[in-house]
């Protein structure tokens, strides 16, 4: 479940700006 943690952080940081 470490992968999800990294992806979530990336999405929250980058994805949030995209949305």
N, C-alpha and C. Protein backbone atom coordinates (compact mmCIF):
# COMPACT_ATOMS: atom_id res chain seq x y z
N UNK A 1 0.85 -1.21 0.00
CA UNK A 1 0.00 0.00 0.00
C UNK A 1 0.88 1.26 0.00
N UNK A 2 2.15 1.04 -0.17
CA UNK A 2 3.05 2.21 -0.19
C UNK A 2 2.89 2.96 -1.49
N UNK A 3 2.64 2.21 -2.54
CA UNK A 3 2.49 2.83 -3.86
C UNK A 3 1.35 3.85 -3.86
N UNK A 4 0.24 3.44 -3.27
CA UNK A 4 -0.94 4.33 -3.22
C UNK A 4 -0.59 5.62 -2.48
N UNK A 5 0.19 5.48 -1.41
CA UNK A 5 0.56 6.67 -0.64
C UNK A 5 1.32 7.65 -1.51
N UNK A 6 2.26 7.16 -2.30
CA UNK A 6 3.06 8.02 -3.18
C UNK A 6 2.19 8.62 -4.27
N UNK A 7 1.37 7.79 -4.86
CA UNK A 7 0.50 8.27 -5.94
C UNK A 7 -0.49 9.31 -5.41
N UNK A 8 -1.08 9.00 -4.28
CA UNK A 8 -2.07 9.92 -3.69
C UNK A 8 -1.43 11.29 -3.44
N UNK A 9 -0.22 11.29 -2.89
CA UNK A 9 0.46 12.55 -2.59
C UNK A 9 0.71 13.29 -3.90
N UNK A 10 1.13 12.56 -4.92
CA UNK A 10 1.42 13.19 -6.21
C UNK A 10 0.14 13.77 -6.81
N UNK A 11 -0.92 12.98 -6.78
CA UNK A 11 -2.20 13.41 -7.36
C UNK A 11 -2.76 14.60 -6.58
N UNK A 12 -2.65 14.54 -5.26
CA UNK A 12 -3.18 15.62 -4.43
C UNK A 12 -2.41 16.91 -4.68
N UNK A 13 -1.10 16.77 -4.93
CA UNK A 13 -0.27 17.95 -5.15
C UNK A 13 -0.41 18.44 -6.59
N UNK A 14 -0.31 17.54 -7.55
CA UNK A 14 -0.37 17.93 -8.96
C UNK A 14 -1.81 17.90 -9.48
N UNK A 15 -2.49 16.81 -9.18
CA UNK A 15 -3.87 16.66 -9.65
C UNK A 15 -4.76 17.79 -9.15
N UNK A 16 -4.60 18.16 -7.89
CA UNK A 16 -5.43 19.21 -7.31
C UNK A 16 -5.29 20.51 -8.10
N UNK A 17 -4.05 20.82 -8.52
CA UNK A 17 -3.80 22.05 -9.28
C UNK A 17 -4.43 21.94 -10.67
N UNK A 18 -4.42 20.74 -11.21
CA UNK A 18 -4.98 20.53 -12.56
C UNK A 18 -6.48 20.74 -12.55
N UNK A 19 -7.13 20.24 -11.50
CA UNK A 19 -8.59 20.36 -11.44
C UNK A 19 -9.02 21.80 -11.16
